[in-house]
N, C-alpha and C. Protein backbone atom coordinates (compact mmCIF):
# COMPACT_ATOMS: atom_id res chain seq x y z
N LYS A 1 -11.16 23.42 -57.11
CA LYS A 1 -12.46 23.25 -56.40
C LYS A 1 -12.09 22.65 -55.08
N LYS A 2 -11.27 21.47 -55.19
CA LYS A 2 -10.78 20.74 -53.77
C LYS A 2 -10.12 21.71 -52.84
N SER A 3 -9.65 22.84 -53.32
CA SER A 3 -8.92 23.79 -52.45
C SER A 3 -9.70 24.60 -51.63
N GLY A 4 -11.13 24.53 -51.60
CA GLY A 4 -12.02 25.17 -50.89
C GLY A 4 -12.38 26.54 -51.49
N LEU A 5 -11.78 27.01 -52.64
CA LEU A 5 -12.05 28.45 -53.15
C LEU A 5 -13.44 28.55 -53.60
N LYS A 6 -13.94 29.69 -53.35
CA LYS A 6 -15.21 30.02 -53.79
C LYS A 6 -15.31 30.16 -55.32
N ILE A 7 -16.44 30.15 -55.86
CA ILE A 7 -16.59 30.14 -57.46
C ILE A 7 -15.96 31.46 -57.89
N ARG A 8 -16.02 32.61 -57.25
CA ARG A 8 -15.47 33.71 -57.81
C ARG A 8 -14.11 33.66 -57.89
N ASP A 9 -13.50 32.98 -56.95
CA ASP A 9 -12.00 32.86 -56.81
C ASP A 9 -11.58 31.93 -57.82
N ILE A 10 -12.32 30.87 -58.08
CA ILE A 10 -11.80 29.90 -59.03
C ILE A 10 -11.78 30.64 -60.48
N LYS A 11 -12.93 31.34 -60.71
CA LYS A 11 -12.88 32.21 -61.92
C LYS A 11 -11.77 33.14 -62.05
N LYS A 12 -11.48 33.80 -61.17
CA LYS A 12 -10.38 34.75 -60.99
C LYS A 12 -9.16 34.09 -61.31
N PHE A 13 -8.93 32.94 -60.74
CA PHE A 13 -7.68 32.01 -60.80
C PHE A 13 -7.62 31.55 -62.45
N ILE A 14 -8.66 31.16 -62.95
CA ILE A 14 -8.77 30.73 -64.41
C ILE A 14 -8.41 31.88 -65.23
N ASP A 15 -8.81 33.13 -64.91
CA ASP A 15 -8.58 34.25 -65.78
C ASP A 15 -7.04 34.73 -65.59
N TRP A 16 -6.50 34.51 -64.28
CA TRP A 16 -5.12 34.88 -64.16
C TRP A 16 -4.33 33.78 -64.87
N THR A 17 -4.63 32.47 -64.96
CA THR A 17 -3.81 31.33 -65.50
C THR A 17 -3.82 32.02 -67.12
N GLU A 18 -4.93 32.30 -67.68
CA GLU A 18 -4.79 32.64 -69.10
C GLU A 18 -3.89 33.85 -69.32
N LEU A 19 -3.77 34.72 -68.49
CA LEU A 19 -2.77 35.75 -68.65
C LEU A 19 -1.19 35.30 -68.53
N GLY A 20 -1.07 33.97 -67.91
CA GLY A 20 0.38 33.70 -67.99
C GLY A 20 1.01 34.19 -66.90
N ASN A 21 2.43 34.14 -67.00
CA ASN A 21 3.26 34.24 -65.88
C ASN A 21 3.28 35.65 -65.18
N GLU A 22 2.55 36.50 -65.90
CA GLU A 22 2.56 37.98 -65.13
C GLU A 22 1.62 37.98 -63.98
N THR A 23 0.88 36.92 -63.93
CA THR A 23 -0.19 36.77 -62.73
C THR A 23 0.44 35.75 -61.74
N LEU A 24 1.59 35.24 -61.78
CA LEU A 24 1.88 34.22 -60.83
C LEU A 24 1.82 34.62 -59.47
N GLU A 25 2.18 35.71 -59.15
CA GLU A 25 2.23 36.33 -57.73
C GLU A 25 0.86 36.35 -57.18
N GLU A 26 -0.15 36.91 -58.03
CA GLU A 26 -1.57 36.94 -57.78
C GLU A 26 -2.13 35.38 -57.30
N ARG A 27 -1.75 34.52 -58.26
CA ARG A 27 -2.10 33.22 -57.85
C ARG A 27 -1.53 32.63 -56.65
N LYS A 28 -0.30 32.86 -56.42
CA LYS A 28 0.32 32.32 -55.20
C LYS A 28 -0.19 32.99 -53.93
N LYS A 29 -0.70 34.33 -54.00
CA LYS A 29 -1.39 34.82 -52.95
C LYS A 29 -2.75 34.27 -52.70
N LEU A 30 -3.45 33.97 -53.65
CA LEU A 30 -4.76 33.43 -53.67
C LEU A 30 -4.62 32.11 -52.61
N PHE A 31 -3.60 31.19 -53.15
CA PHE A 31 -3.60 30.16 -52.45
C PHE A 31 -2.98 30.29 -51.09
N HIS A 32 -2.02 31.10 -50.79
CA HIS A 32 -1.61 31.37 -49.49
C HIS A 32 -2.71 31.90 -48.57
N ASN A 33 -3.40 32.88 -49.16
CA ASN A 33 -4.62 33.47 -48.34
C ASN A 33 -5.53 32.17 -47.95
N GLN A 34 -5.93 31.36 -48.88
CA GLN A 34 -6.83 30.37 -48.72
C GLN A 34 -6.39 29.28 -47.71
N LYS A 35 -5.02 29.06 -47.77
CA LYS A 35 -4.45 28.14 -46.85
C LYS A 35 -4.51 28.66 -45.53
N LYS A 36 -4.23 30.04 -45.23
CA LYS A 36 -4.48 30.74 -43.97
C LYS A 36 -5.77 30.54 -43.44
N GLN A 37 -6.79 30.79 -44.26
CA GLN A 37 -8.03 30.92 -43.87
C GLN A 37 -8.70 29.41 -43.40
N ILE A 38 -8.11 28.39 -44.11
CA ILE A 38 -8.32 27.01 -43.89
C ILE A 38 -7.79 26.58 -42.48
N GLU A 39 -6.51 27.05 -42.19
CA GLU A 39 -5.86 26.80 -41.03
C GLU A 39 -6.46 27.31 -39.82
N GLU A 40 -7.23 28.78 -40.05
CA GLU A 40 -8.00 29.36 -38.93
C GLU A 40 -9.25 28.65 -38.66
N GLU A 41 -9.95 27.86 -39.66
CA GLU A 41 -11.22 27.19 -39.48
C GLU A 41 -10.73 25.93 -38.97
N ILE A 42 -9.64 25.37 -39.09
CA ILE A 42 -9.25 24.07 -38.50
C ILE A 42 -8.85 24.34 -36.95
N ASN A 43 -8.33 25.39 -36.76
CA ASN A 43 -7.98 25.77 -35.38
C ASN A 43 -9.42 25.81 -34.55
N HIS A 44 -10.38 26.64 -35.19
CA HIS A 44 -11.57 26.81 -34.48
C HIS A 44 -12.40 25.43 -34.25
N LEU A 45 -12.33 24.59 -35.26
CA LEU A 45 -12.93 23.25 -35.30
C LEU A 45 -12.33 22.45 -34.24
N ASN A 46 -10.96 22.62 -34.17
CA ASN A 46 -10.30 21.71 -33.10
C ASN A 46 -10.91 22.28 -31.64
N LYS A 47 -10.93 23.54 -31.40
CA LYS A 47 -11.28 24.01 -29.99
C LYS A 47 -12.68 23.55 -29.76
N THR A 48 -13.54 23.54 -30.71
CA THR A 48 -14.92 23.06 -30.66
C THR A 48 -14.99 21.56 -30.29
N LEU A 49 -14.13 20.82 -30.98
CA LEU A 49 -14.04 19.55 -30.75
C LEU A 49 -13.52 19.20 -29.28
N ASP A 50 -12.48 20.05 -28.90
CA ASP A 50 -11.94 19.69 -27.49
C ASP A 50 -13.06 20.12 -26.51
N MET A 51 -13.90 21.19 -26.82
CA MET A 51 -15.03 21.46 -25.97
C MET A 51 -15.96 20.45 -25.78
N LEU A 52 -16.31 19.75 -26.82
CA LEU A 52 -17.07 18.60 -26.91
C LEU A 52 -16.62 17.36 -26.18
N LYS A 53 -15.31 17.06 -26.31
CA LYS A 53 -14.65 16.00 -25.61
C LYS A 53 -14.83 16.15 -24.09
N PHE A 54 -14.45 17.34 -23.69
CA PHE A 54 -14.63 17.69 -22.28
C PHE A 54 -15.99 17.71 -21.94
N LYS A 55 -16.93 18.07 -22.39
CA LYS A 55 -18.26 18.06 -22.10
C LYS A 55 -18.95 16.53 -22.01
N CYS A 56 -18.52 15.73 -22.93
CA CYS A 56 -18.83 14.22 -22.92
C CYS A 56 -18.18 13.63 -21.79
N TRP A 57 -17.04 14.03 -21.56
CA TRP A 57 -16.34 13.18 -20.33
C TRP A 57 -17.11 13.83 -19.02
N TYR A 58 -17.32 15.12 -18.94
CA TYR A 58 -17.93 15.62 -17.70
C TYR A 58 -19.25 14.88 -17.31
N TYR A 59 -20.07 14.98 -18.55
CA TYR A 59 -21.28 14.28 -18.28
C TYR A 59 -21.32 12.84 -17.91
N ASP A 60 -20.42 12.03 -18.66
CA ASP A 60 -20.35 10.64 -18.60
C ASP A 60 -19.77 10.47 -17.01
N GLU A 61 -18.79 11.33 -16.42
CA GLU A 61 -18.34 11.04 -15.16
C GLU A 61 -19.33 11.41 -14.24
N ALA A 62 -20.26 12.64 -14.52
CA ALA A 62 -21.26 12.94 -13.42
C ALA A 62 -22.30 12.00 -13.38
N LEU A 63 -22.67 11.24 -14.47
CA LEU A 63 -23.58 10.31 -14.49
C LEU A 63 -23.12 8.90 -13.72
N SER A 64 -21.80 8.61 -14.09
CA SER A 64 -21.33 7.39 -13.53
C SER A 64 -20.98 7.41 -11.89
N THR A 65 -20.79 8.64 -11.48
CA THR A 65 -20.40 8.81 -9.85
C THR A 65 -21.91 9.24 -9.26
N GLY A 66 -22.65 9.91 -10.09
CA GLY A 66 -24.04 10.37 -9.51
C GLY A 66 -23.64 11.79 -8.68
N ASP A 67 -22.71 12.37 -9.00
CA ASP A 67 -22.15 13.50 -8.10
C ASP A 67 -21.53 14.46 -9.05
N GLU A 68 -22.26 15.67 -9.61
CA GLU A 68 -21.76 16.46 -10.38
C GLU A 68 -20.95 17.36 -9.68
N GLN A 69 -21.03 17.77 -8.28
CA GLN A 69 -20.17 18.74 -7.59
C GLN A 69 -18.86 17.94 -7.74
N ALA A 70 -18.76 16.78 -7.38
CA ALA A 70 -17.32 16.12 -7.29
C ALA A 70 -16.61 16.36 -8.65
N VAL A 71 -17.34 16.13 -9.83
CA VAL A 71 -16.67 16.45 -11.21
C VAL A 71 -16.20 17.89 -11.22
N LYS A 72 -17.12 18.73 -10.78
CA LYS A 72 -16.69 20.16 -10.83
C LYS A 72 -15.53 20.45 -10.05
N ARG A 73 -15.32 19.89 -9.06
CA ARG A 73 -14.14 20.07 -8.19
C ARG A 73 -12.83 19.62 -8.78
N LYS A 74 -12.90 18.69 -9.72
CA LYS A 74 -11.66 18.20 -10.50
C LYS A 74 -11.11 19.15 -11.44
N ILE A 75 -12.02 20.14 -11.83
CA ILE A 75 -11.61 21.06 -12.94
C ILE A 75 -10.68 22.22 -12.39
N PRO A 76 -9.71 22.64 -13.06
CA PRO A 76 -9.07 21.71 -14.23
C PRO A 76 -7.86 20.95 -13.57
N GLU A 77 -7.31 21.02 -12.39
CA GLU A 77 -6.08 20.42 -12.04
C GLU A 77 -6.18 18.95 -11.88
N ASP A 78 -7.42 18.38 -11.48
CA ASP A 78 -7.49 16.83 -11.21
C ASP A 78 -8.10 16.15 -12.45
N LEU A 79 -8.16 16.79 -13.66
CA LEU A 79 -8.67 16.06 -14.91
C LEU A 79 -7.62 15.04 -15.33
N PRO A 80 -8.18 14.08 -16.12
CA PRO A 80 -7.36 13.05 -16.69
C PRO A 80 -6.57 13.92 -17.73
N GLN A 81 -5.28 13.61 -17.92
CA GLN A 81 -4.46 14.48 -18.95
C GLN A 81 -5.01 14.86 -20.17
N GLU A 82 -5.65 13.85 -21.03
CA GLU A 82 -6.15 14.07 -22.28
C GLU A 82 -7.40 15.07 -22.14
N ILE A 83 -8.23 14.72 -21.14
CA ILE A 83 -9.37 15.74 -20.99
C ILE A 83 -8.92 17.05 -20.40
N LYS A 84 -7.76 17.23 -19.58
CA LYS A 84 -7.19 18.36 -19.16
C LYS A 84 -6.59 19.26 -20.45
N ASP A 85 -5.97 18.51 -21.30
CA ASP A 85 -5.49 19.11 -22.47
C ASP A 85 -6.66 19.70 -23.27
N SER A 86 -7.57 18.94 -23.53
CA SER A 86 -8.89 19.51 -24.28
C SER A 86 -9.57 20.61 -23.70
N TYR A 87 -9.62 20.53 -22.19
CA TYR A 87 -10.35 21.70 -21.48
C TYR A 87 -9.43 22.97 -21.56
N ILE A 88 -8.05 22.86 -21.60
CA ILE A 88 -7.36 24.01 -21.64
C ILE A 88 -7.44 24.54 -23.07
N ASN A 89 -7.30 23.68 -24.18
CA ASN A 89 -7.48 24.18 -25.46
C ASN A 89 -8.65 24.75 -25.90
N SER A 90 -9.76 24.19 -25.24
CA SER A 90 -11.04 24.74 -25.60
C SER A 90 -11.26 26.06 -24.88
N HIS A 91 -10.58 26.47 -23.78
CA HIS A 91 -10.58 27.73 -23.12
C HIS A 91 -9.63 28.59 -23.41
N SER A 92 -8.75 28.47 -24.27
CA SER A 92 -7.72 29.41 -24.55
C SER A 92 -8.05 30.32 -25.78
């Protein structure tokens, strides 16, 4: 359950386990597929988080300077490095 498998996949895994060694390959594939899916979700969430980091910085900066156009002119070359990295990752 902690692996993020759906109920039907957990059932399938239990059934395969009961069949013994002949289903080792299927069980391995199940977990490799789940790992790949979770990695893709994490990648998507990291891009979303980076977009939010950039947007928070953008509006904090615009409010503190009172000049949104000046903030826009910084994009992407003159951004602080951490924000620039977030901006690039969120737009890749």
